[in-house]
């Protein structure tokens, strides 16, 4: 098998690439890239130098030993699940409002949606008690407008949640730049 065929087989078989970086201040950031679906994830304070999977259990290794990666906390510290999008100009630099956001989500407890515009963070909460994926609606503040929007979704109860979709329908304003 030539190198191109091997690469093609790797890219079409759900390969996941994992890398870790230690920053100078001791903060560890790990990046995971799923080449099968084109998604990536970032993990903070995940200071392992290698990972392994055996019998559907996952392990992380570092200088002082091998760790089973399971459980709902991190050595007693609460894990808050969060998903953050990249900054999105939604196909135009023109200023826009987002009057409503729809989430396809399965969760129990209180979810929060943050909007990040022009460096300002606004937080909205919604109660979700869905055992199946269901639609939830959030109405961001009417005065918010920006060229670039970023969203963050998290569960305030530190419980798992599944986000199937985040849909927004921007309304363009006449102004292009806020001074």
Foldseek 3Di string as FASTA:
>chain_A
DDPVVVVVVCLQPFHKDKAWDQDPVRKIKIKIAGSNVGDMDIDIPPPFGDWDADPNWIWGHDDVGIGTPDDQADVPHHDWDKDKDDKDLPPDLFKWDWQKKKWFKADAAKKWKWKAAPNDIDIDIDGHHHPHGDIDMDGPDPPDIGRIIMMMMIHPVSDDMDTPDMDTDIDGDPGNDDD
